[in-house]
Amino acid sequence: MINSAAILAGGSGTRLGSLAQGRPKGFLTLGRRPIIEESIEKLLHCGIARIVIGTGFGARYYDRLAERYPQVHCVLNADYERSGSMYTLYQLRDLLSERFLLLESDIVYERAALEAVIQSEHDVVVLASGPTGSGDEVFIEADDSSNLVAMSKARDSLSRVDAELVGISGISSAAYLAMCGFADGEFERTLDVDYEHALVGIARDMPVRVLRIDGLAWAEIDDESHLRRVRETVYPEIQRREALA
């Protein structure tokens, strides 16, 4: 059972430019509420009782959100401008002592995505999908047992492509400690380390299962083309599916 979640929300979303209206990407609005609030509501619906958000750019927006949700706690990555997502996750280490869901703040997804990770029998699981053709994908290479081997945006750097990263994972306490330990070494030369890099780093010593679900309704929003695709196709499909659930 998973009772906690961590959301990575330290980035500034510069590729969205004026579309973000000076706010973090999590406060893009597709329906009645910002996508970060929709994500929180889905987590609560799935039984998650504690949500920790690692913030950076526009932290005040998340702090205000936490005032309305007693289940939400915010932790500031003060070095967000020169660091990556793993450094934001690293700041949460005093609050994450059990298995938790790890999410990115700029994704939209159907509730079934959370349920699949929560129900997985594997201690460490990375949710993945089939090809989306969305652009800027993180490609995954897995072995024949569906365990993580590598991840990269440069598909030619992988021996093969087995799936695409969704941005929702299940992380055990042991795996999180291992990720932080791996990151400690990386931080000696740079704080600009992504959590994906740490996951690949620990996958050499412990199994990280890649859970691929084809036909999943989801998307990451990094730029204007992503936002257009989400508004026109992905978000309406998510709404349709959840109305039927």
Foldseek 3Di string as FASTA:
>chain_A
DAQEEEEEFADQLCQAPCQCVQATLQQRDQDDGGNLVVVVVLCVVVNHQAYEYQYHRRVVVVVVVCVVPVRYHYDYPPPSVFAARLLSVLRCLVPDQFKYKYFYSQKHFASVQVVVQVPDPDQKEFEWEADDPQPQWWFFDADPVQFGQAIGSPCVVDPHGDTTGQGIMIHGNVLNVQLSVVVVVVVVVGNHDYSRVSNNVCCVPDTHGYHYDYPTQMFGDRHDSRVVCCNPPRVVVSVVVVVVD
